[in-house]
Amino acid sequence: WGDYAGGPAPGLSFWSAGWLHRTE
């Protein structure tokens, strides 16, 4: 597990917010 809970991780960019909104 290491730092899976709260540590470094891949994930969605903040700049993907437009995609999350636009795709509905």
PDB file of all heavy atoms in Angstrom:
ATOM      1  N   TRP A   1       0.811  -1.216   0.000  1.00  0.00           N
ATOM      2  CA  TRP A   1       0.000   0.000   0.000  1.00  0.00           C
ATOM      3  C   TRP A   1       0.841   1.261   0.000  1.00  0.00           C
ATOM      4  O   TRP A   1       0.503   2.245  -0.645  1.00  0.00           O
ATOM      5  CB  TRP A   1      -0.937   0.017   1.206  1.00  0.00           C
ATOM      6  CG  TRP A   1      -2.085  -0.929   1.127  1.00  0.00           C
ATOM      7  CD1 TRP A   1      -2.343  -1.978   1.963  1.00  0.00           C
ATOM      8  CD2 TRP A   1      -3.157  -0.918   0.168  1.00  0.00           C
ATOM      9  NE1 TRP A   1      -3.504  -2.632   1.581  1.00  0.00           N
ATOM     10  CE2 TRP A   1      -4.015  -2.002   0.485  1.00  0.00           C
ATOM     11  CE3 TRP A   1      -3.467  -0.130  -0.931  1.00  0.00           C
ATOM     12  CZ2 TRP A   1      -5.171  -2.295  -0.250  1.00  0.00           C
ATOM     13  CZ3 TRP A   1      -4.608  -0.417  -1.669  1.00  0.00           C
ATOM     14  CH2 TRP A   1      -5.436  -1.486  -1.322  1.00  0.00           C
ATOM     15  N   GLY A   2       1.936   1.273   0.755  1.00  0.00           N
ATOM     16  CA  GLY A   2       2.760   2.478   0.813  1.00  0.00           C
ATOM     17  C   GLY A   2       1.912   3.700   1.158  1.00  0.00           C
ATOM     18  O   GLY A   2       1.155   3.691   2.126  1.00  0.00           O
ATOM     19  N   ASP A   3       2.038   4.744   0.340  1.00  0.00           N
ATOM     20  CA  ASP A   3       1.289   5.986   0.560  1.00  0.00           C
ATOM     21  C   ASP A   3       0.071   6.089  -0.350  1.00  0.00           C
ATOM     22  O   ASP A   3      -0.348   7.193  -0.709  1.00  0.00           O
ATOM     23  CB  ASP A   3       2.194   7.194   0.342  1.00  0.00           C
ATOM     24  CG  ASP A   3       3.259   7.317   1.410  1.00  0.00           C
ATOM     25  OD1 ASP A   3       2.984   6.952   2.569  1.00  0.00           O
ATOM     26  OD2 ASP A   3       4.378   7.775   1.092  1.00  0.00           O
ATOM     27  N   TYR A   4      -0.492   4.944  -0.739  1.00  0.00           N
ATOM     28  CA  TYR A   4      -1.687   4.959  -1.597  1.00  0.00           C
ATOM     29  C   TYR A   4      -2.766   5.871  -1.014  1.00  0.00           C
ATOM     30  O   TYR A   4      -3.404   6.625  -1.749  1.00  0.00           O
ATOM     31  CB  TYR A   4      -2.213   3.530  -1.744  1.00  0.00           C
ATOM     32  CG  TYR A   4      -3.490   3.392  -2.540  1.00  0.00           C
ATOM     33  CD1 TYR A   4      -3.470   3.338  -3.937  1.00  0.00           C
ATOM     34  CD2 TYR A   4      -4.727   3.280  -1.912  1.00  0.00           C
ATOM     35  CE1 TYR A   4      -4.630   3.187  -4.678  1.00  0.00           C
ATOM     36  CE2 TYR A   4      -5.898   3.130  -2.647  1.00  0.00           C
ATOM     37  CZ  TYR A   4      -5.846   3.084  -4.023  1.00  0.00           C
ATOM     38  OH  TYR A   4      -7.013   2.939  -4.745  1.00  0.00           O
ATOM     39  N   ALA A   5      -2.966   5.807   0.294  1.00  0.00           N
ATOM     40  CA  ALA A   5      -3.982   6.643   0.950  1.00  0.00           C
ATOM     41  C   ALA A   5      -3.419   8.029   1.232  1.00  0.00           C
ATOM     42  O   ALA A   5      -2.908   8.306   2.313  1.00  0.00           O
ATOM     43  CB  ALA A   5      -4.474   5.992   2.238  1.00  0.00           C
ATOM     44  N   GLY A   6      -3.484   8.885   0.226  1.00  0.00           N
ATOM     45  CA  GLY A   6      -3.136  10.287   0.417  1.00  0.00           C
ATOM     46  C   GLY A   6      -1.805  10.724  -0.129  1.00  0.00           C
ATOM     47  O   GLY A   6      -1.509  11.914  -0.145  1.00  0.00           O
ATOM     48  N   GLY A   7      -0.981   9.780  -0.592  1.00  0.00           N
ATOM     49  CA  GLY A   7       0.327  10.149  -1.111  1.00  0.00           C
ATOM     50  C   GLY A   7       0.310  10.448  -2.597  1.00  0.00           C
ATOM     51  O   GLY A   7      -0.755  10.631  -3.202  1.00  0.00           O
ATOM     52  N   PRO A   8       1.483  10.512  -3.208  1.00  0.00           N
ATOM     53  CA  PRO A   8       1.566  10.780  -4.650  1.00  0.00           C
ATOM     54  C   PRO A   8       0.781   9.749  -5.457  1.00  0.00           C
ATOM     55  O   PRO A   8       0.770   8.564  -5.131  1.00  0.00           O
ATOM     56  CB  PRO A   8       3.068  10.695  -4.931  1.00  0.00           C
ATOM     57  CG  PRO A   8       3.713  11.014  -3.629  1.00  0.00           C
ATOM     58  CD  PRO A   8       2.821  10.411  -2.588  1.00  0.00           C
ATOM     59  N   ALA A   9       0.147  10.214  -6.522  1.00  0.00           N
ATOM     60  CA  ALA A   9      -0.689   9.337  -7.344  1.00  0.00           C
ATOM     61  C   ALA A   9      -0.938   9.980  -8.695  1.00  0.00           C
ATOM     62  O   ALA A   9      -0.965  11.208  -8.818  1.00  0.00           O
ATOM     63  CB  ALA A   9      -2.032   9.077  -6.652  1.00  0.00           C
ATOM     64  N   PRO A  10      -1.138   9.147  -9.719  1.00  0.00           N
ATOM     65  CA  PRO A  10      -1.696   9.694 -10.953  1.00  0.00           C
ATOM     66  C   PRO A  10      -3.147  10.069 -10.716  1.00  0.00           C
ATOM     67  O   PRO A  10      -3.786   9.563  -9.779  1.00  0.00           O
ATOM     68  CB  PRO A  10      -1.568   8.523 -11.937  1.00  0.00           C
ATOM     69  CG  PRO A  10      -1.605   7.307 -11.075  1.00  0.00           C
ATOM     70  CD  PRO A  10      -0.973   7.686  -9.766  1.00  0.00           C
ATOM     71  N   GLY A  11      -3.671  10.934 -11.529  1.00  0.00           N
ATOM     72  CA  GLY A  11      -5.072  11.309 -11.358  1.00  0.00           C
ATOM     73  C   GLY A  11      -5.454  12.412 -12.322  1.00  0.00           C
ATOM     74  O   GLY A  11      -4.626  12.910 -13.093  1.00  0.00           O
ATOM     75  N   LEU A  12      -6.717  12.790 -12.276  1.00  0.00           N
ATOM     76  CA  LEU A  12      -7.200  13.806 -13.204  1.00  0.00           C
ATOM     77  C   LEU A  12      -6.580  15.164 -12.906  1.00  0.00           C
ATOM     78  O   LEU A  12      -6.461  15.570 -11.745  1.00  0.00           O
ATOM     79  CB  LEU A  12      -8.724  13.900 -13.150  1.00  0.00           C
ATOM     80  CG  LEU A  12      -9.444  12.958 -14.132  1.00  0.00           C
ATOM     81  CD1 LEU A  12      -9.294  11.505 -13.704  1.00  0.00           C
ATOM     82  CD2 LEU A  12     -10.905  13.325 -14.258  1.00  0.00           C
ATOM     83  N   SER A  13      -6.197  15.844 -13.954  1.00  0.00           N
ATOM     84  CA  SER A  13      -5.671  17.198 -13.842  1.00  0.00           C
ATOM     85  C   SER A  13      -6.783  18.161 -13.444  1.00  0.00           C
ATOM     86  O   SER A  13      -7.946  17.979 -13.822  1.00  0.00           O
ATOM     87  CB  SER A  13      -5.071  17.624 -15.183  1.00  0.00           C
ATOM     88  OG  SER A  13      -4.802  19.013 -15.206  1.00  0.00           O
ATOM     89  N   PHE A  14      -6.403  19.199 -12.722  1.00  0.00           N
ATOM     90  CA  PHE A  14      -7.364  20.269 -12.433  1.00  0.00           C
ATOM     91  C   PHE A  14      -7.958  20.815 -13.724  1.00  0.00           C
ATOM     92  O   PHE A  14      -9.135  21.174 -13.784  1.00  0.00           O
ATOM     93  CB  PHE A  14      -6.677  21.392 -11.657  1.00  0.00           C
ATOM     94  CG  PHE A  14      -7.559  22.590 -11.435  1.00  0.00           C
ATOM     95  CD1 PHE A  14      -8.480  22.603 -10.414  1.00  0.00           C
ATOM     96  CD2 PHE A  14      -7.475  23.706 -12.267  1.00  0.00           C
ATOM     97  CE1 PHE A  14      -9.318  23.703 -10.208  1.00  0.00           C
ATOM     98  CE2 PHE A  14      -8.292  24.800 -12.080  1.00  0.00           C
ATOM     99  CZ  PHE A  14      -9.223  24.803 -11.038  1.00  0.00           C
ATOM    100  N   TRP A  15      -7.152  20.810 -14.781  1.00  0.00           N
ATOM    101  CA  TRP A  15      -7.576  21.410 -16.040  1.00  0.00           C
ATOM    102  C   TRP A  15      -8.511  20.493 -16.835  1.00  0.00           C
ATOM    103  O   TRP A  15      -8.942  20.866 -17.929  1.00  0.00           O
ATOM    104  CB  TRP A  15      -6.353  21.803 -16.862  1.00  0.00           C
ATOM    105  CG  TRP A  15      -5.437  22.682 -16.069  1.00  0.00           C
ATOM    106  CD1 TRP A  15      -4.247  22.360 -15.513  1.00  0.00           C
ATOM    107  CD2 TRP A  15      -5.687  24.046 -15.691  1.00  0.00           C
ATOM    108  NE1 TRP A  15      -3.715  23.425 -14.815  1.00  0.00           N
ATOM    109  CE2 TRP A  15      -4.582  24.478 -14.913  1.00  0.00           C
ATOM    110  CE3 TRP A  15      -6.730  24.950 -15.933  1.00  0.00           C
ATOM    111  CZ2 TRP A  15      -4.494  25.753 -14.379  1.00  0.00           C
ATOM    112  CZ3 TRP A  15      -6.632  26.231 -15.401  1.00  0.00           C
ATOM    113  CH2 TRP A  15      -5.532  26.623 -14.638  1.00  0.00           C
ATOM    114  N   SER A  16      -8.844  19.335 -16.266  1.00  0.00           N
ATOM    115  CA  SER A  16      -9.857  18.477 -16.883  1.00  0.00           C
ATOM    116  C   SER A  16     -11.272  18.856 -16.455  1.00  0.00           C
ATOM    117  O   SER A  16     -12.242  18.241 -16.905  1.00  0.00           O
ATOM    118  CB  SER A  16      -9.602  17.003 -16.538  1.00  0.00           C
ATOM    119  OG  SER A  16      -9.853  16.748 -15.166  1.00  0.00           O
ATOM    120  N   ALA A  17     -11.403  19.863 -15.609  1.00  0.00           N
ATOM    121  CA  ALA A  17     -12.725  20.262 -15.108  1.00  0.00           C
ATOM    122  C   ALA A  17     -13.676  20.621 -16.248  1.00  0.00           C
ATOM    123  O   ALA A  17     -14.873  20.307 -16.188  1.00  0.00           O
ATOM    124  CB  ALA A  17     -12.594  21.441 -14.140  1.00  0.00           C
ATOM    125  N   GLY A  18     -13.161  21.266 -17.282  1.00  0.00           N
ATOM    126  CA  GLY A  18     -14.009  21.622 -18.419  1.00  0.00           C
ATOM    127  C   GLY A  18     -14.566  20.396 -19.117  1.00  0.00           C
ATOM    128  O   GLY A  18     -15.730  20.379 -19.530  1.00  0.00           O
ATOM    129  N   TRP A  19     -13.748  19.350 -19.252  1.00  0.00           N
ATOM    130  CA  TRP A  19     -14.211  18.095 -19.869  1.00  0.00           C
ATOM    131  C   TRP A  19     -15.285  17.451 -19.001  1.00  0.00           C
ATOM    132  O   TRP A  19     -16.302  16.984 -19.522  1.00  0.00           O
ATOM    133  CB  TRP A  19     -13.014  17.160 -20.041  1.00  0.00           C
ATOM    134  CG  TRP A  19     -13.311  15.874 -20.763  1.00  0.00           C
ATOM    135  CD1 TRP A  19     -13.218  15.650 -22.103  1.00  0.00           C
ATOM    136  CD2 TRP A  19     -13.725  14.629 -20.179  1.00  0.00           C
ATOM    137  NE1 TRP A  19     -13.558  14.343 -22.391  1.00  0.00           N
ATOM    138  CE2 TRP A  19     -13.868  13.701 -21.228  1.00  0.00           C
ATOM    139  CE3 TRP A  19     -13.988  14.220 -18.871  1.00  0.00           C
ATOM    140  CZ2 TRP A  19     -14.269  12.372 -21.007  1.00  0.00           C
ATOM    141  CZ3 TRP A  19     -14.385  12.909 -18.641  1.00  0.00           C
ATOM    142  CH2 TRP A  19     -14.520  12.004 -19.703  1.00  0.00           C
ATOM    143  N   LEU A  20     -15.071  17.429 -17.699  1.00  0.00           N
ATOM    144  CA  LEU A  20     -16.044  16.832 -16.780  1.00  0.00           C
ATOM    145  C   LEU A  20     -17.394  17.545 -16.872  1.00  0.00           C
ATOM    146  O   LEU A  20     -18.453  16.918 -16.769  1.00  0.00           O
ATOM    147  CB  LEU A  20     -15.519  16.889 -15.345  1.00  0.00           C
ATOM    148  CG  LEU A  20     -14.259  16.076 -15.045  1.00  0.00           C
ATOM    149  CD1 LEU A  20     -13.736  16.398 -13.653  1.00  0.00           C
ATOM    150  CD2 LEU A  20     -14.518  14.577 -15.190  1.00  0.00           C
ATOM    151  N   HIS A  21     -17.343  18.849 -17.078  1.00  0.00           N
ATOM    152  CA  HIS A  21     -18.570  19.636 -17.168  1.00  0.00           C
ATOM    153  C   HIS A  21     -19.202  19.530 -18.549  1.00  0.00           C
ATOM    154  O   HIS A  21     -20.409  19.306 -18.679  1.00  0.00           O
ATOM    155  CB  HIS A  21     -18.248  21.102 -16.853  1.00  0.00           C
ATOM    156  CG  HIS A  21     -19.427  22.016 -16.939  1.00  0.00           C
ATOM    157  ND1 HIS A  21     -19.681  22.816 -18.044  1.00  0.00           N
ATOM    158  CD2 HIS A  21     -20.432  22.260 -16.063  1.00  0.00           C
ATOM    159  CE1 HIS A  21     -20.781  23.520 -17.837  1.00  0.00           C
ATOM    160  NE2 HIS A  21     -21.262  23.205 -16.649  1.00  0.00           N
ATOM    161  N   ARG A  22     -18.395  19.644 -19.566  1.00  0.00           N
ATOM    162  CA  ARG A  22     -18.904  19.714 -20.938  1.00  0.00           C
ATOM    163  C   ARG A  22     -19.501  18.385 -21.414  1.00  0.00           C
ATOM    164  O   ARG A  22     -20.483  18.366 -22.164  1.00  0.00           O
ATOM    165  CB  ARG A  22     -17.772  20.140 -21.873  1.00  0.00           C
ATOM    166  CG  ARG A  22     -18.188  20.397 -23.308  1.00  0.00           C
ATOM    167  CD  ARG A  22     -17.062  21.026 -24.095  1.00  0.00           C
ATOM    168  NE  ARG A  22     -15.849  20.220 -24.103  1.00  0.00           N
ATOM    169  CZ  ARG A  22     -14.774  20.457 -23.361  1.00  0.00           C
ATOM    170  NH1 ARG A  22     -14.738  21.516 -22.557  1.00  0.00           N
ATOM    171  NH2 ARG A  22     -13.707  19.682 -23.427  1.00  0.00           N
ATOM    172  N   THR A  23     -18.927  17.271 -20.995  1.00  0.00           N
ATOM    173  CA  THR A  23     -19.431  15.965 -21.423  1.00  0.00           C
ATOM    174  C   THR A  23     -20.759  15.603 -20.775  1.00  0.00           C
ATOM    175  O   THR A  23     -21.448  14.692 -21.227  1.00  0.00           O
ATOM    176  CB  THR A  23     -18.412  14.861 -21.105  1.00  0.00           C
ATOM    177  OG1 THR A  23     -18.077  14.930 -19.713  1.00  0.00           O
ATOM    178  CG2 THR A  23     -17.158  15.000 -21.957  1.00  0.00           C
ATOM    179  N   GLU A  24     -21.105  16.290 -19.689  1.00  0.00           N
ATOM    180  CA  GLU A  24     -22.361  16.041 -18.965  1.00  0.00           C
ATOM    181  C   GLU A  24     -22.451  14.600 -18.460  1.00  0.00           C
ATOM    182  O   GLU A  24     -23.511  13.980 -18.450  1.00  0.00           O
ATOM    183  CB  GLU A  24     -23.576  16.402 -19.823  1.00  0.00           C
ATOM    184  CG  GLU A  24     -23.629  17.875 -20.193  1.00  0.00           C
ATOM    185  CD  GLU A  24     -24.893  18.268 -20.937  1.00  0.00           C
ATOM    186  OE1 GLU A  24     -25.472  17.408 -21.628  1.00  0.00           O
ATOM    187  OE2 GLU A  24     -25.306  19.435 -20.812  1.00  0.00           O
TER     188      GLU A  24
END
